[in-house]
PDB file of N, CA and C in Angstrom:
ATOM      1  N   MET A   1     -45.592   3.427-150.198  1.00  0.00           N
ATOM      2  CA  MET A   1     -45.097   3.443-148.849  1.00  0.00           C
ATOM      3  C   MET A   1     -43.889   4.382-148.768  1.00  0.00           C
ATOM      4  N   ASP A   2     -43.770   5.019-147.653  1.00  0.00           N
ATOM      5  CA  ASP A   2     -42.661   5.939-147.420  1.00  0.00           C
ATOM      6  C   ASP A   2     -41.363   5.141-147.317  1.00  0.00           C
ATOM      7  N   GLN A   3     -40.240   5.723-147.698  1.00  0.00           N
ATOM      8  CA  GLN A   3     -38.954   5.023-147.715  1.00  0.00           C
ATOM      9  C   GLN A   3     -38.490   4.663-146.310  1.00  0.00           C
ATOM     10  N   ASP A   4     -38.742   5.502-145.313  1.00  0.00           N
ATOM     11  CA  ASP A   4     -38.362   5.197-143.927  1.00  0.00           C
ATOM     12  C   ASP A   4     -39.160   4.001-143.404  1.00  0.00           C
ATOM     13  N   VAL A   5     -40.426   3.982-143.720  1.00  0.00           N
ATOM     14  CA  VAL A   5     -41.276   2.861-143.295  1.00  0.00           C
ATOM     15  C   VAL A   5     -40.816   1.585-143.986  1.00  0.00           C
ATOM     16  N   GLN A   6     -40.464   1.696-145.255  1.00  0.00           N
ATOM     17  CA  GLN A   6     -39.978   0.544-146.007  1.00  0.00           C
ATOM     18  C   GLN A   6     -38.687   0.005-145.397  1.00  0.00           C
ATOM     19  N   GLN A   7     -37.784   0.878-144.971  1.00  0.00           N
ATOM     20  CA  GLN A   7     -36.528   0.446-144.354  1.00  0.00           C
ATOM     21  C   GLN A   7     -36.791  -0.263-143.024  1.00  0.00           C
ATOM     22  N   VAL A   8     -37.688   0.269-142.221  1.00  0.00           N
ATOM     23  CA  VAL A   8     -38.032  -0.363-140.940  1.00  0.00           C
ATOM     24  C   VAL A   8     -38.670  -1.725-141.206  1.00  0.00           C
ATOM     25  N   PHE A   9     -39.561  -1.782-142.178  1.00  0.00           N
ATOM     26  CA  PHE A   9     -40.229  -3.036-142.515  1.00  0.00           C
ATOM     27  C   PHE A   9     -39.205  -4.077-142.971  1.00  0.00           C
ATOM     28  N   ASN A  10     -38.282  -3.713-143.822  1.00  0.00           N
ATOM     29  CA  ASN A  10     -37.244  -4.636-144.283  1.00  0.00           C
ATOM     30  C   ASN A  10     -36.345  -5.083-143.131  1.00  0.00           C
ATOM     31  N   PHE A  11     -36.026  -4.135-142.222  1.00  0.00           N
ATOM     32  CA  PHE A  11     -35.205  -4.481-141.065  1.00  0.00           C
ATOM     33  C   PHE A  11     -35.918  -5.528-140.201  1.00  0.00           C
ATOM     34  N   VAL A  12     -37.208  -5.326-139.976  1.00  0.00           N
ATOM     35  CA  VAL A  12     -37.975  -6.270-139.154  1.00  0.00           C
ATOM     36  C   VAL A  12     -38.039  -7.635-139.844  1.00  0.00           C
ATOM     37  N   ILE A  13     -38.257  -7.643-141.137  1.00  0.00           N
ATOM     38  CA  ILE A  13     -38.322  -8.905-141.888  1.00  0.00           C
ATOM     39  C   ILE A  13     -36.967  -9.612-141.862  1.00  0.00           C
ATOM     40  N   ASP A  14     -35.873  -8.844-141.956  1.00  0.00           N
ATOM     41  CA  ASP A  14     -34.535  -9.443-141.944  1.00  0.00           C
ATOM     42  C   ASP A  14     -34.173 -10.014-140.572  1.00  0.00           C
ATOM     43  N   ILE A  15     -34.598  -9.358-139.513  1.00  0.00           N
ATOM     44  CA  ILE A  15     -34.197  -9.776-138.164  1.00  0.00           C
ATOM     45  C   ILE A  15     -35.170 -10.799-137.546  1.00  0.00           C
ATOM     46  N   LEU A  16     -36.361 -10.924-138.098  1.00  0.00           N
ATOM     47  CA  LEU A  16     -37.377 -11.815-137.533  1.00  0.00           C
ATOM     48  C   LEU A  16     -36.919 -13.270-137.408  1.00  0.00           C
ATOM     49  N   PRO A  17     -36.265 -13.869-138.403  1.00  0.00           N
ATOM     50  CA  PRO A  17     -35.817 -15.262-138.223  1.00  0.00           C
ATOM     51  C   PRO A  17     -34.824 -15.425-137.069  1.00  0.00           C
ATOM     52  N   TRP A  18     -33.961 -14.402-136.875  1.00  0.00           N
ATOM     53  CA  TRP A  18     -32.995 -14.485-135.769  1.00  0.00           C
ATOM     54  C   TRP A  18     -33.694 -14.403-134.417  1.00  0.00           C
ATOM     55  N   VAL A  19     -34.682 -13.541-134.327  1.00  0.00           N
ATOM     56  CA  VAL A  19     -35.450 -13.430-133.086  1.00  0.00           C
ATOM     57  C   VAL A  19     -36.184 -14.743-132.804  1.00  0.00           C
ATOM     58  N   ALA A  20     -36.774 -15.322-133.837  1.00  0.00           N
ATOM     59  CA  ALA A  20     -37.482 -16.596-133.672  1.00  0.00           C
ATOM     60  C   ALA A  20     -36.523 -17.701-133.241  1.00  0.00           C
ATOM     61  N   ALA A  21     -35.316 -17.713-133.796  1.00  0.00           N
ATOM     62  CA  ALA A  21     -34.327 -18.718-133.418  1.00  0.00           C
ATOM     63  C   ALA A  21     -33.898 -18.552-131.967  1.00  0.00           C
ATOM     64  N   ILE A  22     -33.681 -17.323-131.534  1.00  0.00           N
ATOM     65  CA  ILE A  22     -33.286 -17.068-130.139  1.00  0.00           C
ATOM     66  C   ILE A  22     -34.396 -17.508-129.186  1.00  0.00           C
ATOM     67  N   VAL A  23     -35.633 -17.192-129.515  1.00  0.00           N
ATOM     68  CA  VAL A  23     -36.760 -17.597-128.672  1.00  0.00           C
ATOM     69  C   VAL A  23     -36.866 -19.116-128.635  1.00  0.00           C
ATOM     70  N   ALA A  24     -36.711 -19.772-129.779  1.00  0.00           N
ATOM     71  CA  ALA A  24     -36.801 -21.234-129.826  1.00  0.00           C
ATOM     72  C   ALA A  24     -35.696 -21.880-128.987  1.00  0.00           C
ATOM     73  N   PHE A  25     -34.474 -21.374-129.089  1.00  0.00           N
ATOM     74  CA  PHE A  25     -33.377 -21.920-128.280  1.00  0.00           C
ATOM     75  C   PHE A  25     -33.620 -21.693-126.786  1.00  0.00           C
ATOM     76  N   SER A  26     -34.158 -20.547-126.431  1.00  0.00           N
ATOM     77  CA  SER A  26     -34.431 -20.254-125.023  1.00  0.00           C
ATOM     78  C   SER A  26     -35.497 -21.180-124.465  1.00  0.00           C
ATOM     79  N   VAL A  27     -36.568 -21.345-125.187  1.00  0.00           N
ATOM     80  CA  VAL A  27     -37.644 -22.236-124.737  1.00  0.00           C
ATOM     81  C   VAL A  27     -37.153 -23.679-124.710  1.00  0.00           C
ATOM     82  N   GLY A  28     -36.429 -24.074-125.742  1.00  0.00           N
ATOM     83  CA  GLY A  28     -35.883 -25.436-125.764  1.00  0.00           C
ATOM     84  C   GLY A  28     -34.934 -25.689-124.605  1.00  0.00           C
ATOM     85  N   GLY A  29     -34.107 -24.704-124.275  1.00  0.00           N
ATOM     86  CA  GLY A  29     -33.192 -24.848-123.141  1.00  0.00           C
ATOM     87  C   GLY A  29     -33.931 -24.976-121.823  1.00  0.00           C
ATOM     88  N   ALA A  30     -34.988 -24.204-121.658  1.00  0.00           N
ATOM     89  CA  ALA A  30     -35.781 -24.285-120.427  1.00  0.00           C
ATOM     90  C   ALA A  30     -36.466 -25.639-120.311  1.00  0.00           C
ATOM     91  N   VAL A  31     -37.007 -26.133-121.409  1.00  0.00           N
ATOM     92  CA  VAL A  31     -37.655 -27.454-121.397  1.00  0.00           C
ATOM     93  C   VAL A  31     -36.629 -28.538-121.091  1.00  0.00           C
ATOM     94  N   PHE A  32     -35.476 -28.473-121.702  1.00  0.00           N
ATOM     95  CA  PHE A  32     -34.421 -29.458-121.467  1.00  0.00           C
ATOM     96  C   PHE A  32     -33.947 -29.418-120.012  1.00  0.00           C
ATOM     97  N   SER A  33     -33.784 -28.215-119.472  1.00  0.00           N
ATOM     98  CA  SER A  33     -33.359 -28.069-118.082  1.00  0.00           C
ATOM     99  C   SER A  33     -34.393 -28.665-117.121  1.00  0.00           C
ATOM    100  N   THR A  34     -35.658 -28.391-117.382  1.00  0.00           N
ATOM    101  CA  THR A  34     -36.724 -28.951-116.548  1.00  0.00           C
ATOM    102  C   THR A  34     -36.741 -30.466-116.644  1.00  0.00           C
ATOM    103  N   TRP A  35     -36.564 -31.007-117.833  1.00  0.00           N
ATOM    104  CA  TRP A  35     -36.537 -32.459-118.018  1.00  0.00           C
ATOM    105  C   TRP A  35     -35.387 -33.083-117.235  1.00  0.00           C
ATOM    106  N   LEU A  36     -34.218 -32.457-117.284  1.00  0.00           N
ATOM    107  CA  LEU A  36     -33.074 -32.975-116.533  1.00  0.00           C
ATOM    108  C   LEU A  36     -33.332 -32.947-115.027  1.00  0.00           C
ATOM    109  N   LYS A  37     -33.951 -31.874-114.543  1.00  0.00           N
ATOM    110  CA  LYS A  37     -34.269 -31.791-113.121  1.00  0.00           C
ATOM    111  C   LYS A  37     -35.228 -32.906-112.715  1.00  0.00           C
ATOM    112  N   ILE A  38     -36.257 -33.129-113.502  1.00  0.00           N
ATOM    113  CA  ILE A  38     -37.231 -34.176-113.192  1.00  0.00           C
ATOM    114  C   ILE A  38     -36.568 -35.539-113.258  1.00  0.00           C
ATOM    115  N   LYS A  39     -35.762 -35.769-114.275  1.00  0.00           N
ATOM    116  CA  LYS A  39     -35.104 -37.058-114.468  1.00  0.00           C
ATOM    117  C   LYS A  39     -34.179 -37.393-113.306  1.00  0.00           C
ATOM    118  N   ASN A  40     -33.473 -36.409-112.786  1.00  0.00           N
ATOM    119  CA  ASN A  40     -32.493 -36.647-111.735  1.00  0.00           C
ATOM    120  C   ASN A  40     -33.035 -36.406-110.330  1.00  0.00           C
ATOM    121  N   GLY A  41     -34.317 -36.126-110.200  1.00  0.00           N
ATOM    122  CA  GLY A  41     -34.945 -36.030-108.894  1.00  0.00           C
ATOM    123  C   GLY A  41     -34.804 -34.704-108.183  1.00  0.00           C
ATOM    124  N   TYR A  42     -34.393 -33.667-108.872  1.00  0.00           N
ATOM    125  CA  TYR A  42     -34.293 -32.355-108.241  1.00  0.00           C
ATOM    126  C   TYR A  42     -35.672 -31.704-108.201  1.00  0.00           C
ATOM    127  N   PRO A  43     -35.946 -30.898-107.176  1.00  0.00           N
ATOM    128  CA  PRO A  43     -37.255 -30.241-107.140  1.00  0.00           C
ATOM    129  C   PRO A  43     -37.320 -29.141-108.197  1.00  0.00           C
ATOM    130  N   LEU A  44     -38.487 -28.954-108.745  1.00  0.00           N
ATOM    131  CA  LEU A  44     -38.686 -27.871-109.701  1.00  0.00           C
ATOM    132  C   LEU A  44     -38.716 -26.552-108.944  1.00  0.00           C
ATOM    133  N   SER A  45     -38.394 -25.462-109.630  1.00  0.00           N
ATOM    134  CA  SER A  45     -38.378 -24.160-108.965  1.00  0.00           C
ATOM    135  C   SER A  45     -39.349 -23.220-109.656  1.00  0.00           C
ATOM    136  N   ASN A  46     -39.858 -22.279-108.867  1.00  0.00           N
ATOM    137  CA  ASN A  46     -40.775 -21.295-109.432  1.00  0.00           C
ATOM    138  C   ASN A  46     -39.985 -20.158-110.066  1.00  0.00           C
ATOM    139  N   SER A  47     -40.673 -19.100-110.478  1.00  0.00           N
ATOM    140  CA  SER A  47     -39.998 -18.006-111.177  1.00  0.00           C
ATOM    141  C   SER A  47     -39.043 -17.232-110.271  1.00  0.00           C
ATOM    142  N   TRP A  48     -39.170 -17.375-108.946  1.00  0.00           N
ATOM    143  CA  TRP A  48     -38.280 -16.701-108.004  1.00  0.00           C
ATOM    144  C   TRP A  48     -37.126 -17.590-107.581  1.00  0.00           C
ATOM    145  N   GLY A  49     -37.049 -18.793-108.130  1.00  0.00           N
ATOM    146  CA  GLY A  49     -35.956 -19.694-107.811  1.00  0.00           C
ATOM    147  C   GLY A  49     -36.185 -20.533-106.568  1.00  0.00           C
ATOM    148  N   MET A  50     -37.358 -20.436-105.977  1.00  0.00           N
ATOM    149  CA  MET A  50     -37.661 -21.223-104.784  1.00  0.00           C
ATOM    150  C   MET A  50     -38.182 -22.598-105.211  1.00  0.00           C
ATOM    151  N   PRO A  51     -37.756 -23.668-104.531  1.00  0.00           N
ATOM    152  CA  PRO A  51     -38.226 -24.998-104.927  1.00  0.00           C
ATOM    153  C   PRO A  51     -39.723 -25.167-104.675  1.00  0.00           C
ATOM    154  N   MET A  52     -40.357 -25.834-105.596  1.00  0.00           N
ATOM    155  CA  MET A  52     -41.781 -26.130-105.473  1.00  0.00           C
ATOM    156  C   MET A  52     -41.920 -27.591-105.084  1.00  0.00           C
ATOM    157  N   HIS A  53     -42.561 -27.838-103.967  1.00  0.00           N
ATOM    158  CA  HIS A  53     -42.791 -29.195-103.510  1.00  0.00           C
ATOM    159  C   HIS A  53     -44.283 -29.492-103.634  1.00  0.00           C
ATOM    160  N   PRO A  54     -44.610 -30.748-103.943  1.00  0.00           N
ATOM    161  CA  PRO A  54     -46.040 -31.061-104.032  1.00  0.00           C
ATOM    162  C   PRO A  54     -46.707 -30.903-102.671  1.00  0.00           C
ATOM    163  N   LYS A  55     -47.902 -30.387-102.684  1.00  0.00           N
ATOM    164  CA  LYS A  55     -48.640 -30.189-101.445  1.00  0.00           C
ATOM    165  C   LYS A  55     -49.255 -31.517-101.020  1.00  0.00           C
ATOM    166  N   THR A  56     -49.187 -31.791 -99.735  1.00  0.00           N
ATOM    167  CA  THR A  56     -49.793 -33.014 -99.216  1.00  0.00           C
ATOM    168  C   THR A  56     -51.000 -32.627 -98.381  1.00  0.00           C
ATOM    169  N   ASP A  57     -52.142 -32.992 -98.862  1.00  0.00           N
ATOM    170  CA  ASP A  57     -53.349 -32.763 -98.103  1.00  0.00           C
ATOM    171  C   ASP A  57     -53.775 -34.079 -97.464  1.00  0.00           C
ATOM    172  N   SER A  58     -54.840 -34.055 -96.726  1.00  0.00           N
ATOM    173  CA  SER A  58     -55.268 -35.261 -96.009  1.00  0.00           C
ATOM    174  C   SER A  58     -55.665 -36.370 -96.986  1.00  0.00           C
ATOM    175  N   GLU A  59     -56.221 -35.984 -98.116  1.00  0.00           N
ATOM    176  CA  GLU A  59     -56.630 -36.983 -99.108  1.00  0.00           C
ATOM    177  C   GLU A  59     -55.410 -37.706 -99.691  1.00  0.00           C
ATOM    178  N   ALA A  60     -54.366 -36.963 -99.995  1.00  0.00           N
ATOM    179  CA  ALA A  60     -53.147 -37.572-100.525  1.00  0.00           C
ATOM    180  C   ALA A  60     -52.477 -38.436 -99.471  1.00  0.00           C
ATOM    181  N   ALA A  61     -52.456 -37.985 -98.214  1.00  0.00           N
ATOM    182  CA  ALA A  61     -51.858 -38.779 -97.140  1.00  0.00           C
ATOM    183  C   ALA A  61     -52.615 -40.082 -96.943  1.00  0.00           C
ATOM    184  N   GLU A  62     -53.927 -40.035 -97.023  1.00  0.00           N
ATOM    185  CA  GLU A  62     -54.741 -41.253 -96.891  1.00  0.00           C
ATOM    186  C   GLU A  62     -54.468 -42.212 -98.041  1.00  0.00           C
ATOM    187  N   ARG A  63     -54.343 -41.662 -99.221  1.00  0.00           N
ATOM    188  CA  ARG A  63     -54.058 -42.504-100.389  1.00  0.00           C
ATOM    189  C   ARG A  63     -52.683 -43.167-100.261  1.00  0.00           C
ATOM    190  N   ILE A  64     -51.707 -42.423 -99.768  1.00  0.00           N
ATOM    191  CA  ILE A  64     -50.375 -42.995 -99.556  1.00  0.00           C
ATOM    192  C   ILE A  64     -50.435 -44.105 -98.517  1.00  0.00           C
ATOM    193  N   ARG A  65     -51.203 -43.881 -97.440  1.00  0.00           N
ATOM    194  CA  ARG A  65     -51.328 -44.903 -96.400  1.00  0.00           C
ATOM    195  C   ARG A  65     -51.974 -46.168 -96.957  1.00  0.00           C
ATOM    196  N   LEU A  66     -53.031 -46.007 -97.749  1.00  0.00           N
ATOM    197  CA  LEU A  66     -53.707 -47.172 -98.339  1.00  0.00           C
ATOM    198  C   LEU A  66     -52.790 -47.923 -99.301  1.00  0.00           C
ATOM    199  N   LEU A  67     -52.047 -47.184-100.104  1.00  0.00           N
ATOM    200  CA  LEU A  67     -51.129 -47.831-101.037  1.00  0.00           C
ATOM    201  C   LEU A  67     -50.003 -48.552-100.304  1.00  0.00           C
ATOM    202  N   THR A  68     -49.561 -47.992 -99.186  1.00  0.00           N
ATOM    203  CA  THR A  68     -48.504 -48.633 -98.405  1.00  0.00           C
ATOM    204  C   THR A  68     -48.991 -49.943 -97.805  1.00  0.00           C
ATOM    205  N   THR A  69     -50.196 -49.946 -97.260  1.00  0.00           N
ATOM    206  CA  THR A  69     -50.729 -51.191 -96.691  1.00  0.00           C
ATOM    207  C   THR A  69     -50.983 -52.227 -97.783  1.00  0.00           C
ATOM    208  N   GLU A  70     -51.490 -51.773 -98.929  1.00  0.00           N
ATOM    209  CA  GLU A  70     -51.711 -52.713-100.031  1.00  0.00           C
ATOM    210  C   GLU A  70     -50.385 -53.297-100.512  1.00  0.00           C
ATOM    211  N   ASN A  71     -49.350 -52.478-100.544  1.00  0.00           N
ATOM    212  CA  ASN A  71     -48.028 -52.942-100.947  1.00  0.00           C
ATOM    213  C   ASN A  71     -47.530 -54.010 -99.985  1.00  0.00           C
ATOM    214  N   ALA A  72     -47.717 -53.796 -98.680  1.00  0.00           N
ATOM    215  CA  ALA A  72     -47.284 -54.785 -97.688  1.00  0.00           C
ATOM    216  C   ALA A  72     -48.048 -56.090 -97.852  1.00  0.00           C
ATOM    217  N   GLN A  73     -49.352 -56.009 -98.105  1.00  0.00           N
ATOM    218  CA  GLN A  73     -50.164 -57.215 -98.305  1.00  0.00           C
ATOM    219  C   GLN A  73     -49.706 -57.976 -99.548  1.00  0.00           C
ATOM    220  N   LEU A  74     -49.434 -57.242-100.610  1.00  0.00           N
ATOM    221  CA  LEU A  74     -49.003 -57.903-101.847  1.00  0.00           C
ATOM    222  C   LEU A  74     -47.631 -58.546-101.679  1.00  0.00           C
ATOM    223  N   ARG A  75     -46.755 -57.916-100.921  1.00  0.00           N
ATOM    224  CA  ARG A  75     -45.437 -58.514-100.665  1.00  0.00           C
ATOM    225  C   ARG A  75     -45.579 -59.804 -99.864  1.00  0.00           C
ATOM    226  N   ALA A  76     -46.465 -59.809 -98.865  1.00  0.00           N
ATOM    227  CA  ALA A  76     -46.692 -61.024 -98.080  1.00  0.00           C
ATOM    228  C   ALA A  76     -47.266 -62.127 -98.955  1.00  0.00           C
ATOM    229  N   GLU A  77     -48.198 -61.783 -99.802  1.00  0.00           N
ATOM    230  CA  GLU A  77     -48.802 -62.773-100.704  1.00  0.00           C
ATOM    231  C   GLU A  77     -47.758 -63.310-101.680  1.00  0.00           C
ATOM    232  N   LEU A  78     -46.889 -62.439-102.162  1.00  0.00           N
ATOM    233  CA  LEU A  78     -45.837 -62.872-103.068  1.00  0.00           C
ATOM    234  C   LEU A  78     -44.894 -63.851-102.378  1.00  0.00           C
ATOM    235  N   GLY A  79     -44.571 -63.600-101.110  1.00  0.00           N
ATOM    236  CA  GLY A  79     -43.730 -64.530-100.355  1.00  0.00           C
ATOM    237  C   GLY A  79     -44.383 -65.889-100.231  1.00  0.00           C
ATOM    238  N   SER A  80     -45.686 -65.907 -99.984  1.00  0.00           N
ATOM    239  CA  SER A  80     -46.429 -67.165 -99.888  1.00  0.00           C
ATOM    240  C   SER A  80     -46.409 -67.912-101.222  1.00  0.00           C
ATOM    241  N   VAL A  81     -46.598 -67.192-102.302  1.00  0.00           N
ATOM    242  CA  VAL A  81     -46.589 -67.813-103.636  1.00  0.00           C
ATOM    243  C   VAL A  81     -45.202 -68.374-103.946  1.00  0.00           C
ATOM    244  N   LYS A  82     -44.148 -67.672-103.536  1.00  0.00           N
ATOM    245  CA  LYS A  82     -42.787 -68.175-103.757  1.00  0.00           C
ATOM    246  C   LYS A  82     -42.562 -69.473-102.996  1.00  0.00           C
ATOM    247  N   ASP A  83     -43.049 -69.547-101.748  1.00  0.00           N
ATOM    248  CA  ASP A  83     -42.912 -70.779-100.972  1.00  0.00           C
ATOM    249  C   ASP A  83     -43.638 -71.937-101.644  1.00  0.00           C
ATOM    250  N   ARG A  84     -44.843 -71.675-102.113  1.00  0.00           N
ATOM    251  CA  ARG A  84     -45.608 -72.732-102.790  1.00  0.00           C
ATOM    252  C   ARG A  84     -44.905 -73.177-104.071  1.00  0.00           C
ATOM    253  N   LEU A  85     -44.340 -72.226-104.791  1.00  0.00           N
ATOM    254  CA  LEU A  85     -43.626 -72.563-106.027  1.00  0.00           C
ATOM    255  C   LEU A  85     -42.391 -73.404-105.737  1.00  0.00           C
ATOM    256  N   GLU A  86     -41.695 -73.102-104.655  1.00  0.00           N
ATOM    257  CA  GLU A  86     -40.537 -73.921-104.275  1.00  0.00           C
ATOM    258  C   GLU A  86     -40.963 -75.357-103.986  1.00  0.00           C
ATOM    259  N   ASN A  87     -42.092 -75.540-103.297  1.00  0.00           N
ATOM    260  CA  ASN A  87     -42.589 -76.895-103.025  1.00  0.00           C
ATOM    261  C   ASN A  87     -42.953 -77.623-104.310  1.00  0.00           C
ATOM    262  N   ILE A  88     -43.591 -76.911-105.222  1.00  0.00           N
ATOM    263  CA  ILE A  88     -43.966 -77.544-106.494  1.00  0.00           C
ATOM    264  C   ILE A  88     -42.719 -77.912-107.289  1.00  0.00           C
ATOM    265  N   GLU A  89     -41.722 -77.022-107.309  1.00  0.00           N
ATOM    266  CA  GLU A  89     -40.472 -77.335-108.013  1.00  0.00           C
ATOM    267  C   GLU A  89     -39.784 -78.547-107.390  1.00  0.00           C
ATOM    268  N   ARG A  90     -39.809 -78.629-106.058  1.00  0.00           N
ATOM    269  CA  ARG A  90     -39.194 -79.768-105.389  1.00  0.00           C
ATOM    270  C   ARG A  90     -39.918 -81.056-105.756  1.00  0.00           C
ATOM    271  N   ILE A  91     -41.246 -81.011-105.804  1.00  0.00           N
ATOM    272  CA  ILE A  91     -42.026 -82.203-106.151  1.00  0.00           C
ATOM    273  C   ILE A  91     -41.731 -82.625-107.583  1.00  0.00           C
ATOM    274  N   VAL A  92     -41.668 -81.676-108.478  1.00  0.00           N
ATOM    275  CA  VAL A  92     -41.459 -81.993-109.897  1.00  0.00           C
ATOM    276  C   VAL A  92     -40.045 -82.510-110.139  1.00  0.00           C
ATOM    277  N   THR A  93     -39.064 -81.933-109.463  1.00  0.00           N
ATOM    278  CA  THR A  93     -37.680 -82.316-109.752  1.00  0.00           C
ATOM    279  C   THR A  93     -37.186 -83.497-108.923  1.00  0.00           C
ATOM    280  N   ASP A  94     -37.888 -83.870-107.845  1.00  0.00           N
ATOM    281  CA  ASP A  94     -37.464 -85.027-107.047  1.00  0.00           C
ATOM    282  C   ASP A  94     -37.677 -86.322-107.814  1.00  0.00           C
ATOM    283  N   GLU A  95     -37.013 -87.344-107.333  1.00  0.00           N
ATOM    284  CA  GLU A  95     -37.170 -88.653-107.964  1.00  0.00           C
ATOM    285  C   GLU A  95     -38.590 -89.155-107.742  1.00  0.00           C
ATOM    286  N   PRO A  96     -39.187 -89.794-108.728  1.00  0.00           N
ATOM    287  CA  PRO A  96     -40.567 -90.274-108.596  1.00  0.00           C
ATOM    288  C   PRO A  96     -40.717 -91.317-107.476  1.00  0.00           C
ATOM    289  N   THR A  97     -39.705 -92.125-107.263  1.00  0.00           N
ATOM    290  CA  THR A  97     -39.839 -93.143-106.216  1.00  0.00           C
ATOM    291  C   THR A  97     -39.887 -92.504-104.841  1.00  0.00           C
ATOM    292  N   ARG A  98     -39.114 -91.453-104.637  1.00  0.00           N
ATOM    293  CA  ARG A  98     -39.133 -90.765-103.345  1.00  0.00           C
ATOM    294  C   ARG A  98     -40.490 -90.127-103.101  1.00  0.00           C
ATOM    295  N   LEU A  99     -41.061 -89.526-104.148  1.00  0.00           N
ATOM    296  CA  LEU A  99     -42.378 -88.926-104.030  1.00  0.00           C
ATOM    297  C   LEU A  99     -43.409 -89.988-103.694  1.00  0.00           C
ATOM    298  N   ALA A 100     -43.330 -91.111-104.351  1.00  0.00           N
ATOM    299  CA  ALA A 100     -44.271 -92.202-104.078  1.00  0.00           C
ATOM    300  C   ALA A 100     -44.121 -92.681-102.640  1.00  0.00           C
ATOM    301  N   GLN A 101     -42.891 -92.756-102.148  1.00  0.00           N
ATOM    302  CA  GLN A 101     -42.665 -93.182-100.765  1.00  0.00           C
ATOM    303  C   GLN A 101     -43.266 -92.184 -99.779  1.00  0.00           C
ATOM    304  N   GLU A 102     -43.101 -90.898-100.042  1.00  0.00           N
ATOM    305  CA  GLU A 102     -43.670 -89.882 -99.158  1.00  0.00           C
ATOM    306  C   GLU A 102     -45.188 -89.945 -99.152  1.00  0.00           C
ATOM    307  N   ILE A 103     -45.786 -90.138-100.315  1.00  0.00           N
ATOM    308  CA  ILE A 103     -47.250 -90.250-100.398  1.00  0.00           C
ATOM    309  C   ILE A 103     -47.714 -91.476 -99.637  1.00  0.00           C
ATOM    310  N   ASP A 104     -47.016 -92.603 -99.803  1.00  0.00           N
ATOM    311  CA  ASP A 104     -47.382 -93.830 -99.090  1.00  0.00           C
ATOM    312  C   ASP A 104     -47.252 -93.637 -97.583  1.00  0.00           C
ATOM    313  N   SER A 105     -46.184 -92.978 -97.144  1.00  0.00           N
ATOM    314  CA  SER A 105     -46.011 -92.771 -95.702  1.00  0.00           C
ATOM    315  C   SER A 105     -47.123 -91.881 -95.147  1.00  0.00           C
ATOM    316  N   LEU A 106     -47.551 -90.896 -95.925  1.00  0.00           N
ATOM    317  CA  LEU A 106     -48.668 -90.055 -95.487  1.00  0.00           C
ATOM    318  C   LEU A 106     -49.960 -90.860 -95.446  1.00  0.00           C
ATOM    319  N   ALA A 107     -50.167 -91.690 -96.440  1.00  0.00           N
ATOM    320  CA  ALA A 107     -51.382 -92.511 -96.474  1.00  0.00           C
ATOM    321  C   ALA A 107     -51.401 -93.493 -95.313  1.00  0.00           C
ATOM    322  N   HIS A 108     -50.275 -94.097 -94.972  1.00  0.00           N
ATOM    323  CA  HIS A 108     -50.216 -95.032 -93.859  1.00  0.00           C
ATOM    324  C   HIS A 108     -50.376 -94.299 -92.531  1.00  0.00           C
ATOM    325  N   GLY A 109     -49.850 -93.105 -92.469  1.00  0.00           N
ATOM    326  CA  GLY A 109     -49.963 -92.311 -91.245  1.00  0.00           C
ATOM    327  C   GLY A 109     -51.412 -91.952 -90.958  1.00  0.00           C
ATOM    328  N   LYS A 110     -52.205 -91.635 -91.988  1.00  0.00           N
ATOM    329  CA  LYS A 110     -53.632 -91.322 -91.806  1.00  0.00           C
ATOM    330  C   LYS A 110     -54.417 -92.575 -91.500  1.00  0.00           C
ATOM    331  N   ALA A 111     -54.039 -93.674 -92.136  1.00  0.00           N
ATOM    332  CA  ALA A 111     -54.767 -94.932 -91.900  1.00  0.00           C
ATOM    333  C   ALA A 111     -54.545 -95.399 -90.472  1.00  0.00           C
ATOM    334  N   GLY A 112     -53.376 -95.177 -89.927  1.00  0.00           N
ATOM    335  CA  GLY A 112     -53.077 -95.600 -88.572  1.00  0.00           C
ATOM    336  C   GLY A 112     -53.850 -94.770 -87.541  1.00  0.00           C
ATOM    337  N   ARG A 113     -54.208 -93.537 -87.867  1.00  0.00           N
ATOM    338  CA  ARG A 113     -54.912 -92.667 -86.922  1.00  0.00           C
ATOM    339  C   ARG A 113     -56.421 -92.927 -86.935  1.00  0.00           C
ATOM    340  N   ALA A 114     -56.920 -93.439 -88.050  1.00  0.00           N
ATOM    341  CA  ALA A 114     -58.366 -93.595 -88.193  1.00  0.00           C
ATOM    342  C   ALA A 114     -58.941 -94.678 -87.393  1.00  0.00           C
TER     343      ALA A 114
END
């Protein structure tokens, strides 16, 4: 090999790890920056620095509407379950004699109507 070519080859071999390190730090910094933006709720930006927002088409809007109604139904059902649980807790923690009295009063109330 010619001596000039050998010098260029050695220069490239010597500088290659530094170039790789600079590229790795640059890519790592970009990934970290994107992660921070996503984590903190900032919109992502394109290569021109303009924010990229998700596109909403009719299918996505319909899905959001369905999920919103399902969420409302589940919240209502959860409220009903909480009320029932409060009644069960009251029955379990009340004195047994009081519970027996309430049951007897209900039984007498039905017998009087029949």
